[in-house]
Amino acid sequence: MILVSMERDGMIHQEVAKKNIEAFQNVYDELGYGFPENVCGNAMCLEMTATGMTVQQQKNIEVVYRGVEVGDYYTDPFADNAVIVEPEATEGLRAEHEARLIN
């Protein structure tokens, strides 16, 4: 899973992000690393729900281009209607991860 520092300029929803990082740490402490994204994502959803967060496994976002809906985008787990949790099995945040989250 990717952890992004809360110290980045312009970081919003810091409390939700902090809860996500704590949930990640709990999952990592119990499962370790090496599991596929779906396993990590499911464990994260369970952990976040247990801490009282509202979690949607996948949130449907309609993509609109020039006023016309061109498709649907389904996010990774979405916490407290504010933060997308990106349970990637990678060593760090790459440009394509950041671009996907910004879009």
C-alpha atoms as a PDB file:
ATOM      1  CA  MET A   1       0.000   0.000   0.000  1.00  0.00           C
ATOM      2  CA  ILE A   2       1.094   3.508  -0.652  1.00  0.00           C
ATOM      3  CA  LEU A   3       1.511   5.935   2.215  1.00  0.00           C
ATOM      4  CA  VAL A   4       1.689   9.586   1.273  1.00  0.00           C
ATOM      5  CA  SER A   5       3.130  11.942   3.832  1.00  0.00           C
ATOM      6  CA  MET A   6       0.603  14.266   5.452  1.00  0.00           C
ATOM      7  CA  GLU A   7       3.289  16.947   5.407  1.00  0.00           C
ATOM      8  CA  ARG A   8       2.787  17.672   1.710  1.00  0.00           C
ATOM      9  CA  ASP A   9       1.737  21.210   0.868  1.00  0.00           C
ATOM     10  CA  GLY A  10      -2.004  21.590   0.448  1.00  0.00           C
ATOM     11  CA  MET A  11      -2.918  18.270   2.082  1.00  0.00           C
ATOM     12  CA  ILE A  12      -6.582  18.380   2.980  1.00  0.00           C
ATOM     13  CA  HIS A  13      -8.634  15.970   5.096  1.00  0.00           C
ATOM     14  CA  GLN A  14      -5.657  15.378   7.372  1.00  0.00           C
ATOM     15  CA  GLU A  15      -7.727  13.697  10.091  1.00  0.00           C
ATOM     16  CA  VAL A  16      -9.173  11.175   7.627  1.00  0.00           C
ATOM     17  CA  ALA A  17      -5.720  10.595   6.161  1.00  0.00           C
ATOM     18  CA  LYS A  18      -4.312  10.064   9.661  1.00  0.00           C
ATOM     19  CA  LYS A  19      -6.981   7.438  10.401  1.00  0.00           C
ATOM     20  CA  ASN A  20      -6.140   5.719   7.101  1.00  0.00           C
ATOM     21  CA  ILE A  21      -2.455   5.605   7.958  1.00  0.00           C
ATOM     22  CA  GLU A  22      -3.249   4.124  11.377  1.00  0.00           C
ATOM     23  CA  ALA A  23      -5.521   1.534   9.718  1.00  0.00           C
ATOM     24  CA  PHE A  24      -2.745   0.711   7.245  1.00  0.00           C
ATOM     25  CA  GLN A  25      -0.270   0.229  10.072  1.00  0.00           C
ATOM     26  CA  ASN A  26      -2.646  -2.169  11.848  1.00  0.00           C
ATOM     27  CA  VAL A  27      -3.191  -4.175   8.656  1.00  0.00           C
ATOM     28  CA  TYR A  28       0.526  -4.226   7.857  1.00  0.00           C
ATOM     29  CA  ASP A  29       1.412  -5.280  11.412  1.00  0.00           C
ATOM     30  CA  GLU A  30      -0.928  -8.260  11.146  1.00  0.00           C
ATOM     31  CA  LEU A  31      -0.619  -9.314   7.484  1.00  0.00           C
ATOM     32  CA  GLY A  32       2.847  -8.105   6.570  1.00  0.00           C
ATOM     33  CA  TYR A  33       3.561  -7.405   2.924  1.00  0.00           C
ATOM     34  CA  GLY A  34       3.303  -9.350  -0.305  1.00  0.00           C
ATOM     35  CA  PHE A  35      -0.451  -9.790  -0.626  1.00  0.00           C
ATOM     36  CA  PRO A  36      -2.295  -8.665  -3.766  1.00  0.00           C
ATOM     37  CA  GLU A  37      -4.227  -5.386  -3.900  1.00  0.00           C
ATOM     38  CA  ASN A  38      -7.652  -6.973  -3.341  1.00  0.00           C
ATOM     39  CA  VAL A  39      -6.529  -8.658  -0.104  1.00  0.00           C
ATOM     40  CA  CYS A  40      -4.963  -5.446   1.240  1.00  0.00           C
ATOM     41  CA  GLY A  41      -7.986  -3.395   0.154  1.00  0.00           C
ATOM     42  CA  ASN A  42     -10.446  -5.743   1.835  1.00  0.00           C
ATOM     43  CA  ALA A  43      -8.416  -5.772   5.054  1.00  0.00           C
ATOM     44  CA  MET A  44      -8.167  -1.967   4.966  1.00  0.00           C
ATOM     45  CA  CYS A  45     -11.945  -1.647   4.549  1.00  0.00           C
ATOM     46  CA  LEU A  46     -12.519  -3.917   7.559  1.00  0.00           C
ATOM     47  CA  GLU A  47     -10.010  -1.989   9.669  1.00  0.00           C
ATOM     48  CA  MET A  48     -11.352   1.434   8.702  1.00  0.00           C
ATOM     49  CA  THR A  49     -14.942   0.359   9.361  1.00  0.00           C
ATOM     50  CA  ALA A  50     -13.903  -0.997  12.760  1.00  0.00           C
ATOM     51  CA  THR A  51     -12.548   2.453  13.672  1.00  0.00           C
ATOM     52  CA  GLY A  52     -15.870   4.097  12.850  1.00  0.00           C
ATOM     53  CA  MET A  53     -15.048   5.397   9.399  1.00  0.00           C
ATOM     54  CA  THR A  54     -17.589   5.285   6.598  1.00  0.00           C
ATOM     55  CA  VAL A  55     -16.085   3.247   3.763  1.00  0.00           C
ATOM     56  CA  GLN A  56     -17.319   2.507   0.254  1.00  0.00           C
ATOM     57  CA  GLN A  57     -15.482  -0.427  -1.343  1.00  0.00           C
ATOM     58  CA  GLN A  58     -15.813   1.202  -4.757  1.00  0.00           C
ATOM     59  CA  LYS A  59     -17.299   4.607  -5.435  1.00  0.00           C
ATOM     60  CA  ASN A  60     -18.759   5.212  -8.874  1.00  0.00           C
ATOM     61  CA  ILE A  61     -17.749   8.557 -10.353  1.00  0.00           C
ATOM     62  CA  GLU A  62     -19.251   9.632 -13.665  1.00  0.00           C
ATOM     63  CA  VAL A  63     -16.610  11.029 -16.008  1.00  0.00           C
ATOM     64  CA  VAL A  64     -17.857  13.978 -18.055  1.00  0.00           C
ATOM     65  CA  TYR A  65     -16.081  15.393 -21.087  1.00  0.00           C
ATOM     66  CA  ARG A  66     -17.377  18.617 -22.612  1.00  0.00           C
ATOM     67  CA  GLY A  67     -20.708  18.184 -20.911  1.00  0.00           C
ATOM     68  CA  VAL A  68     -21.196  14.572 -22.035  1.00  0.00           C
ATOM     69  CA  GLU A  69     -20.819  11.528 -19.794  1.00  0.00           C
ATOM     70  CA  VAL A  70     -18.101   9.398 -21.377  1.00  0.00           C
ATOM     71  CA  GLY A  71     -17.839   6.631 -18.821  1.00  0.00           C
ATOM     72  CA  ASP A  72     -17.642   5.568 -15.226  1.00  0.00           C
ATOM     73  CA  TYR A  73     -14.635   5.416 -12.951  1.00  0.00           C
ATOM     74  CA  TYR A  74     -14.710   3.148  -9.928  1.00  0.00           C
ATOM     75  CA  THR A  75     -12.367   4.232  -7.168  1.00  0.00           C
ATOM     76  CA  ASP A  76     -10.472   2.065  -4.773  1.00  0.00           C
ATOM     77  CA  PRO A  77     -11.869   2.180  -1.219  1.00  0.00           C
ATOM     78  CA  PHE A  78     -13.286   5.630  -0.449  1.00  0.00           C
ATOM     79  CA  ALA A  79     -13.109   6.738   3.193  1.00  0.00           C
ATOM     80  CA  ASP A  80     -15.424   9.222   4.905  1.00  0.00           C
ATOM     81  CA  ASN A  81     -16.508  10.589   1.529  1.00  0.00           C
ATOM     82  CA  ALA A  82     -13.156  12.385   1.352  1.00  0.00           C
ATOM     83  CA  VAL A  83     -10.118  10.149   0.774  1.00  0.00           C
ATOM     84  CA  ILE A  84      -9.401   7.465  -1.826  1.00  0.00           C
ATOM     85  CA  VAL A  85      -7.324   4.640  -0.353  1.00  0.00           C
ATOM     86  CA  GLU A  86      -4.889   3.284  -2.927  1.00  0.00           C
ATOM     87  CA  PRO A  87      -3.908  -0.243  -1.783  1.00  0.00           C
ATOM     88  CA  GLU A  88      -1.078  -0.737  -4.292  1.00  0.00           C
ATOM     89  CA  ALA A  89       1.591  -3.353  -3.796  1.00  0.00           C
ATOM     90  CA  THR A  90       4.537  -1.081  -4.585  1.00  0.00           C
ATOM     91  CA  GLU A  91       7.574   0.448  -2.951  1.00  0.00           C
ATOM     92  CA  GLY A  92       6.464   4.038  -3.420  1.00  0.00           C
ATOM     93  CA  LEU A  93       4.233   6.565  -5.118  1.00  0.00           C
ATOM     94  CA  ARG A  94       4.825   6.707  -8.868  1.00  0.00           C
ATOM     95  CA  ALA A  95       3.648   9.354 -11.333  1.00  0.00           C
ATOM     96  CA  GLU A  96       0.841   7.146 -12.670  1.00  0.00           C
ATOM     97  CA  HIS A  97      -0.571   6.640  -9.152  1.00  0.00           C
ATOM     98  CA  GLU A  98      -0.615  10.358  -8.501  1.00  0.00           C
ATOM     99  CA  ALA A  99      -2.206  11.090 -11.897  1.00  0.00           C
ATOM    100  CA  ARG A 100      -4.958   8.524 -11.286  1.00  0.00           C
ATOM    101  CA  LEU A 101      -5.762  10.028  -7.890  1.00  0.00           C
ATOM    102  CA  ILE A 102      -5.770  13.608  -9.161  1.00  0.00           C
ATOM    103  CA  ASN A 103      -8.147  12.762 -12.014  1.00  0.00           C
END
